[in-house]
PDB file of all heavy atoms in Angstrom:
ATOM      1  N   PRO A   1     -17.240  11.091  -6.857  1.00  0.00           N
ATOM      2  CA  PRO A   1     -16.148  11.953  -6.384  1.00  0.00           C
ATOM      3  C   PRO A   1     -15.002  11.203  -5.716  1.00  0.00           C
ATOM      4  O   PRO A   1     -13.901  11.749  -5.605  1.00  0.00           O
ATOM      5  CB  PRO A   1     -16.849  12.876  -5.373  1.00  0.00           C
ATOM      6  CG  PRO A   1     -18.280  12.882  -5.797  1.00  0.00           C
ATOM      7  CD  PRO A   1     -18.544  11.513  -6.334  1.00  0.00           C
ATOM      8  N   LYS A   2     -15.224   9.968  -5.264  1.00  0.00           N
ATOM      9  CA  LYS A   2     -14.117   9.203  -4.667  1.00  0.00           C
ATOM     10  C   LYS A   2     -12.942   9.092  -5.635  1.00  0.00           C
ATOM     11  O   LYS A   2     -11.780   9.039  -5.223  1.00  0.00           O
ATOM     12  CB  LYS A   2     -14.581   7.808  -4.255  1.00  0.00           C
ATOM     13  CG  LYS A   2     -15.645   7.748  -3.190  1.00  0.00           C
ATOM     14  CD  LYS A   2     -15.931   6.302  -2.811  1.00  0.00           C
ATOM     15  CE  LYS A   2     -17.124   6.191  -1.867  1.00  0.00           C
ATOM     16  NZ  LYS A   2     -18.405   6.445  -2.574  1.00  0.00           N
ATOM     17  N   GLY A   3     -13.247   9.035  -6.922  1.00  0.00           N
ATOM     18  CA  GLY A   3     -12.187   8.909  -7.911  1.00  0.00           C
ATOM     19  C   GLY A   3     -11.239  10.084  -7.941  1.00  0.00           C
ATOM     20  O   GLY A   3     -10.107   9.953  -8.428  1.00  0.00           O
ATOM     21  N   LEU A   4     -11.652  11.241  -7.418  1.00  0.00           N
ATOM     22  CA  LEU A   4     -10.759  12.400  -7.375  1.00  0.00           C
ATOM     23  C   LEU A   4      -9.508  12.098  -6.561  1.00  0.00           C
ATOM     24  O   LEU A   4      -8.426  12.628  -6.846  1.00  0.00           O
ATOM     25  CB  LEU A   4     -11.486  13.600  -6.762  1.00  0.00           C
ATOM     26  CG  LEU A   4     -12.684  14.154  -7.541  1.00  0.00           C
ATOM     27  CD1 LEU A   4     -13.412  15.198  -6.702  1.00  0.00           C
ATOM     28  CD2 LEU A   4     -12.245  14.734  -8.876  1.00  0.00           C
ATOM     29  N   ALA A   5      -9.646  11.257  -5.546  1.00  0.00           N
ATOM     30  CA  ALA A   5      -8.518  10.941  -4.672  1.00  0.00           C
ATOM     31  C   ALA A   5      -7.415  10.195  -5.405  1.00  0.00           C
ATOM     32  O   ALA A   5      -6.254  10.180  -4.951  1.00  0.00           O
ATOM     33  CB  ALA A   5      -9.001  10.109  -3.479  1.00  0.00           C
ATOM     34  N   LEU A   6      -7.738   9.572  -6.538  1.00  0.00           N
ATOM     35  CA  LEU A   6      -6.759   8.761  -7.266  1.00  0.00           C
ATOM     36  C   LEU A   6      -6.079   9.537  -8.394  1.00  0.00           C
ATOM     37  O   LEU A   6      -5.125   9.035  -8.991  1.00  0.00           O
ATOM     38  CB  LEU A   6      -7.448   7.517  -7.812  1.00  0.00           C
ATOM     39  CG  LEU A   6      -8.093   6.629  -6.744  1.00  0.00           C
ATOM     40  CD1 LEU A   6      -8.887   5.507  -7.395  1.00  0.00           C
ATOM     41  CD2 LEU A   6      -7.057   6.066  -5.789  1.00  0.00           C
ATOM     42  N   ILE A   7      -6.542  10.734  -8.681  1.00  0.00           N
ATOM     43  CA  ILE A   7      -5.950  11.498  -9.771  1.00  0.00           C
ATOM     44  C   ILE A   7      -4.483  11.851  -9.504  1.00  0.00           C
ATOM     45  O   ILE A   7      -3.660  11.799 -10.438  1.00  0.00           O
ATOM     46  CB  ILE A   7      -6.816  12.736 -10.081  1.00  0.00           C
ATOM     47  CG1 ILE A   7      -8.102  12.258 -10.784  1.00  0.00           C
ATOM     48  CG2 ILE A   7      -6.067  13.740 -10.939  1.00  0.00           C
ATOM     49  CD1 ILE A   7      -9.076  13.361 -11.145  1.00  0.00           C
ATOM     50  N   PRO A   8      -4.075  12.179  -8.263  1.00  0.00           N
ATOM     51  CA  PRO A   8      -2.635  12.392  -8.059  1.00  0.00           C
ATOM     52  C   PRO A   8      -1.784  11.175  -8.435  1.00  0.00           C
ATOM     53  O   PRO A   8      -0.701  11.316  -9.003  1.00  0.00           O
ATOM     54  CB  PRO A   8      -2.544  12.708  -6.558  1.00  0.00           C
ATOM     55  CG  PRO A   8      -3.857  13.339  -6.243  1.00  0.00           C
ATOM     56  CD  PRO A   8      -4.854  12.574  -7.071  1.00  0.00           C
ATOM     57  N   LEU A   9      -2.268   9.971  -8.129  1.00  0.00           N
ATOM     58  CA  LEU A   9      -1.526   8.772  -8.526  1.00  0.00           C
ATOM     59  C   LEU A   9      -1.594   8.567 -10.035  1.00  0.00           C
ATOM     60  O   LEU A   9      -0.605   8.139 -10.657  1.00  0.00           O
ATOM     61  CB  LEU A   9      -2.057   7.546  -7.785  1.00  0.00           C
ATOM     62  CG  LEU A   9      -1.369   6.216  -8.108  1.00  0.00           C
ATOM     63  CD1 LEU A   9       0.141   6.298  -7.910  1.00  0.00           C
ATOM     64  CD2 LEU A   9      -1.959   5.085  -7.254  1.00  0.00           C
ATOM     65  N   ASP A  10      -2.735   8.869 -10.653  1.00  0.00           N
ATOM     66  CA  ASP A  10      -2.826   8.786 -12.118  1.00  0.00           C
ATOM     67  C   ASP A  10      -1.727   9.618 -12.776  1.00  0.00           C
ATOM     68  O   ASP A  10      -1.117   9.196 -13.767  1.00  0.00           O
ATOM     69  CB  ASP A  10      -4.192   9.283 -12.595  1.00  0.00           C
ATOM     70  CG  ASP A  10      -5.345   8.383 -12.193  1.00  0.00           C
ATOM     71  OD1 ASP A  10      -5.108   7.197 -11.914  1.00  0.00           O
ATOM     72  OD2 ASP A  10      -6.487   8.878 -12.159  1.00  0.00           O
ATOM     73  N   ARG A  11      -1.469  10.805 -12.239  1.00  0.00           N
ATOM     74  CA  ARG A  11      -0.430  11.665 -12.810  1.00  0.00           C
ATOM     75  C   ARG A  11       0.927  10.984 -12.756  1.00  0.00           C
ATOM     76  O   ARG A  11       1.723  11.073 -13.711  1.00  0.00           O
ATOM     77  CB  ARG A  11      -0.366  12.990 -12.060  1.00  0.00           C
ATOM     78  CG  ARG A  11      -1.587  13.867 -12.199  1.00  0.00           C
ATOM     79  CD  ARG A  11      -1.363  15.180 -11.455  1.00  0.00           C
ATOM     80  NE  ARG A  11      -2.560  15.981 -11.403  1.00  0.00           N
ATOM     81  CZ  ARG A  11      -3.022  16.733 -12.389  1.00  0.00           C
ATOM     82  NH1 ARG A  11      -2.355  16.766 -13.538  1.00  0.00           N
ATOM     83  NH2 ARG A  11      -4.127  17.439 -12.253  1.00  0.00           N
ATOM     84  N   ARG A  12       1.226  10.332 -11.634  1.00  0.00           N
ATOM     85  CA  ARG A  12       2.534   9.701 -11.472  1.00  0.00           C
ATOM     86  C   ARG A  12       2.677   8.459 -12.327  1.00  0.00           C
ATOM     87  O   ARG A  12       3.784   8.061 -12.689  1.00  0.00           O
ATOM     88  CB  ARG A  12       2.772   9.385  -9.997  1.00  0.00           C
ATOM     89  CG  ARG A  12       3.048  10.658  -9.172  1.00  0.00           C
ATOM     90  CD  ARG A  12       2.688  10.460  -7.707  1.00  0.00           C
ATOM     91  NE  ARG A  12       3.026  11.633  -6.908  1.00  0.00           N
ATOM     92  CZ  ARG A  12       2.297  12.747  -6.863  1.00  0.00           C
ATOM     93  NH1 ARG A  12       1.196  12.849  -7.593  1.00  0.00           N
ATOM     94  NH2 ARG A  12       2.662  13.748  -6.082  1.00  0.00           N
ATOM     95  N   LEU A  13       1.556   7.848 -12.670  1.00  0.00           N
ATOM     96  CA  LEU A  13       1.605   6.660 -13.507  1.00  0.00           C
ATOM     97  C   LEU A  13       1.612   7.003 -15.001  1.00  0.00           C
ATOM     98  O   LEU A  13       2.319   6.368 -15.788  1.00  0.00           O
ATOM     99  CB  LEU A  13       0.409   5.755 -13.207  1.00  0.00           C
ATOM    100  CG  LEU A  13       0.338   5.143 -11.807  1.00  0.00           C
ATOM    101  CD1 LEU A  13      -0.940   4.332 -11.662  1.00  0.00           C
ATOM    102  CD2 LEU A  13       1.559   4.270 -11.528  1.00  0.00           C
ATOM    103  N   PHE A  14       0.830   8.022 -15.405  1.00  0.00           N
ATOM    104  CA  PHE A  14       0.573   8.250 -16.831  1.00  0.00           C
ATOM    105  C   PHE A  14       0.995   9.619 -17.335  1.00  0.00           C
ATOM    106  O   PHE A  14       0.994   9.847 -18.540  1.00  0.00           O
ATOM    107  CB  PHE A  14      -0.926   8.072 -17.122  1.00  0.00           C
ATOM    108  CG  PHE A  14      -1.462   6.747 -16.675  1.00  0.00           C
ATOM    109  CD1 PHE A  14      -2.345   6.665 -15.606  1.00  0.00           C
ATOM    110  CD2 PHE A  14      -1.082   5.580 -17.308  1.00  0.00           C
ATOM    111  CE1 PHE A  14      -2.852   5.447 -15.188  1.00  0.00           C
ATOM    112  CE2 PHE A  14      -1.574   4.349 -16.898  1.00  0.00           C
ATOM    113  CZ  PHE A  14      -2.459   4.281 -15.826  1.00  0.00           C
ATOM    114  N   GLY A  15       1.324  10.562 -16.442  1.00  0.00           N
ATOM    115  CA  GLY A  15       1.736  11.890 -16.885  1.00  0.00           C
ATOM    116  C   GLY A  15       3.139  11.879 -17.465  1.00  0.00           C
ATOM    117  O   GLY A  15       3.756  10.815 -17.672  1.00  0.00           O
ATOM    118  N   ALA A  16       3.667  13.045 -17.745  1.00  0.00           N
ATOM    119  CA  ALA A  16       5.010  13.150 -18.321  1.00  0.00           C
ATOM    120  C   ALA A  16       6.014  12.424 -17.433  1.00  0.00           C
ATOM    121  O   ALA A  16       6.115  12.707 -16.243  1.00  0.00           O
ATOM    122  CB  ALA A  16       5.387  14.616 -18.474  1.00  0.00           C
ATOM    123  N   GLY A  17       6.755  11.469 -18.012  1.00  0.00           N
ATOM    124  CA  GLY A  17       7.723  10.687 -17.251  1.00  0.00           C
ATOM    125  C   GLY A  17       7.093   9.679 -16.321  1.00  0.00           C
ATOM    126  O   GLY A  17       7.783   9.122 -15.459  1.00  0.00           O
ATOM    127  N   GLY A  18       5.793   9.392 -16.475  1.00  0.00           N
ATOM    128  CA  GLY A  18       5.079   8.491 -15.570  1.00  0.00           C
ATOM    129  C   GLY A  18       5.594   7.062 -15.615  1.00  0.00           C
ATOM    130  O   GLY A  18       6.154   6.611 -16.621  1.00  0.00           O
ATOM    131  N   TRP A  19       5.377   6.338 -14.536  1.00  0.00           N
ATOM    132  CA  TRP A  19       5.907   4.980 -14.368  1.00  0.00           C
ATOM    133  C   TRP A  19       5.383   4.039 -15.448  1.00  0.00           C
ATOM    134  O   TRP A  19       6.092   3.125 -15.875  1.00  0.00           O
ATOM    135  CB  TRP A  19       5.543   4.462 -12.968  1.00  0.00           C
ATOM    136  CG  TRP A  19       6.292   3.244 -12.547  1.00  0.00           C
ATOM    137  CD1 TRP A  19       7.623   3.138 -12.290  1.00  0.00           C
ATOM    138  CD2 TRP A  19       5.730   1.939 -12.307  1.00  0.00           C
ATOM    139  NE1 TRP A  19       7.935   1.842 -11.905  1.00  0.00           N
ATOM    140  CE2 TRP A  19       6.783   1.095 -11.904  1.00  0.00           C
ATOM    141  CE3 TRP A  19       4.436   1.417 -12.380  1.00  0.00           C
ATOM    142  CZ2 TRP A  19       6.597  -0.245 -11.578  1.00  0.00           C
ATOM    143  CZ3 TRP A  19       4.239   0.089 -12.054  1.00  0.00           C
ATOM    144  CH2 TRP A  19       5.309  -0.739 -11.663  1.00  0.00           C
ATOM    145  N   LEU A  20       4.152   4.242 -15.901  1.00  0.00           N
ATOM    146  CA  LEU A  20       3.559   3.357 -16.914  1.00  0.00           C
ATOM    147  C   LEU A  20       3.399   4.044 -18.268  1.00  0.00           C
ATOM    148  O   LEU A  20       2.679   3.549 -19.137  1.00  0.00           O
ATOM    149  CB  LEU A  20       2.189   2.869 -16.434  1.00  0.00           C
ATOM    150  CG  LEU A  20       2.192   1.909 -15.239  1.00  0.00           C
ATOM    151  CD1 LEU A  20       0.758   1.596 -14.807  1.00  0.00           C
ATOM    152  CD2 LEU A  20       2.926   0.609 -15.574  1.00  0.00           C
ATOM    153  N   ARG A  21       4.060   5.156 -18.437  1.00  0.00           N
ATOM    154  CA  ARG A  21       3.831   5.998 -19.608  1.00  0.00           C
ATOM    155  C   ARG A  21       4.034   5.262 -20.927  1.00  0.00           C
ATOM    156  O   ARG A  21       3.261   5.432 -21.877  1.00  0.00           O
ATOM    157  CB  ARG A  21       4.776   7.207 -19.537  1.00  0.00           C
ATOM    158  CG  ARG A  21       4.707   8.152 -20.698  1.00  0.00           C
ATOM    159  CD  ARG A  21       3.490   9.029 -20.630  1.00  0.00           C
ATOM    160  NE  ARG A  21       3.456   9.959 -21.755  1.00  0.00           N
ATOM    161  CZ  ARG A  21       2.481  10.842 -21.946  1.00  0.00           C
ATOM    162  NH1 ARG A  21       1.492  10.908 -21.086  1.00  0.00           N
ATOM    163  NH2 ARG A  21       2.501  11.643 -22.982  1.00  0.00           N
ATOM    164  N   GLU A  22       5.058   4.430 -21.013  1.00  0.00           N
ATOM    165  CA  GLU A  22       5.413   3.802 -22.290  1.00  0.00           C
ATOM    166  C   GLU A  22       5.000   2.339 -22.378  1.00  0.00           C
ATOM    167  O   GLU A  22       5.379   1.645 -23.314  1.00  0.00           O
ATOM    168  CB  GLU A  22       6.927   3.918 -22.518  1.00  0.00           C
ATOM    169  CG  GLU A  22       7.471   5.345 -22.463  1.00  0.00           C
ATOM    170  CD  GLU A  22       6.816   6.257 -23.481  1.00  0.00           C
ATOM    171  OE1 GLU A  22       6.453   5.758 -24.577  1.00  0.00           O
ATOM    172  OE2 GLU A  22       6.657   7.459 -23.193  1.00  0.00           O
ATOM    173  N   VAL A  23       4.216   1.859 -21.430  1.00  0.00           N
ATOM    174  CA  VAL A  23       3.869   0.435 -21.373  1.00  0.00           C
ATOM    175  C   VAL A  23       2.572   0.167 -22.137  1.00  0.00           C
ATOM    176  O   VAL A  23       1.599   0.907 -21.975  1.00  0.00           O
ATOM    177  CB  VAL A  23       3.704  -0.013 -19.906  1.00  0.00           C
ATOM    178  CG1 VAL A  23       3.283  -1.472 -19.825  1.00  0.00           C
ATOM    179  CG2 VAL A  23       5.011   0.209 -19.153  1.00  0.00           C
ATOM    180  N   PRO A  24       2.519  -0.875 -22.984  1.00  0.00           N
ATOM    181  CA  PRO A  24       1.245  -1.251 -23.608  1.00  0.00           C
ATOM    182  C   PRO A  24       0.262  -1.722 -22.545  1.00  0.00           C
ATOM    183  O   PRO A  24       0.545  -2.665 -21.805  1.00  0.00           O
ATOM    184  CB  PRO A  24       1.627  -2.396 -24.541  1.00  0.00           C
ATOM    185  CG  PRO A  24       3.102  -2.301 -24.707  1.00  0.00           C
ATOM    186  CD  PRO A  24       3.627  -1.721 -23.433  1.00  0.00           C
ATOM    187  N   LEU A  25      -0.890  -1.080 -22.468  1.00  0.00           N
ATOM    188  CA  LEU A  25      -1.825  -1.337 -21.381  1.00  0.00           C
ATOM    189  C   LEU A  25      -3.255  -1.363 -21.886  1.00  0.00           C
ATOM    190  O   LEU A  25      -3.597  -0.697 -22.863  1.00  0.00           O
ATOM    191  CB  LEU A  25      -1.738  -0.224 -20.322  1.00  0.00           C
ATOM    192  CG  LEU A  25      -0.478  -0.081 -19.479  1.00  0.00           C
ATOM    193  CD1 LEU A  25      -0.541   1.236 -18.710  1.00  0.00           C
ATOM    194  CD2 LEU A  25      -0.356  -1.248 -18.512  1.00  0.00           C
ATOM    195  N   ASP A  26      -4.098  -2.112 -21.169  1.00  0.00           N
ATOM    196  CA  ASP A  26      -5.534  -1.943 -21.254  1.00  0.00           C
ATOM    197  C   ASP A  26      -5.947  -1.028 -20.104  1.00  0.00           C
ATOM    198  O   ASP A  26      -5.703  -1.345 -18.930  1.00  0.00           O
ATOM    199  CB  ASP A  26      -6.261  -3.280 -21.109  1.00  0.00           C
ATOM    200  CG  ASP A  26      -6.266  -4.093 -22.389  1.00  0.00           C
ATOM    201  OD1 ASP A  26      -5.799  -3.584 -23.422  1.00  0.00           O
ATOM    202  OD2 ASP A  26      -6.735  -5.243 -22.348  1.00  0.00           O
ATOM    203  N   LEU A  27      -6.559   0.100 -20.443  1.00  0.00           N
ATOM    204  CA  LEU A  27      -7.067   1.041 -19.453  1.00  0.00           C
ATOM    205  C   LEU A  27      -8.586   0.930 -19.483  1.00  0.00           C
ATOM    206  O   LEU A  27      -9.223   1.348 -20.462  1.00  0.00           O
ATOM    207  CB  LEU A  27      -6.616   2.465 -19.785  1.00  0.00           C
ATOM    208  CG  LEU A  27      -5.105   2.673 -19.915  1.00  0.00           C
ATOM    209  CD1 LEU A  27      -4.792   4.087 -20.373  1.00  0.00           C
ATOM    210  CD2 LEU A  27      -4.399   2.367 -18.597  1.00  0.00           C
ATOM    211  N   VAL A  28      -9.156   0.340 -18.453  1.00  0.00           N
ATOM    212  CA  VAL A  28     -10.585   0.025 -18.461  1.00  0.00           C
ATOM    213  C   VAL A  28     -11.263   0.705 -17.288  1.00  0.00           C
ATOM    214  O   VAL A  28     -10.764   0.670 -16.159  1.00  0.00           O
ATOM    215  CB  VAL A  28     -10.808  -1.507 -18.436  1.00  0.00           C
ATOM    216  CG1 VAL A  28     -10.066  -2.170 -17.289  1.00  0.00           C
ATOM    217  CG2 VAL A  28     -12.291  -1.842 -18.374  1.00  0.00           C
TER     218      VAL A  28
END
């Protein structure tokens, strides 16, 4: 459940218009 705390930041990084939305990435 600790990971729930990071979901708001996930949205800002990967959601619509996110900071990393268009970047080639390894998501591990």
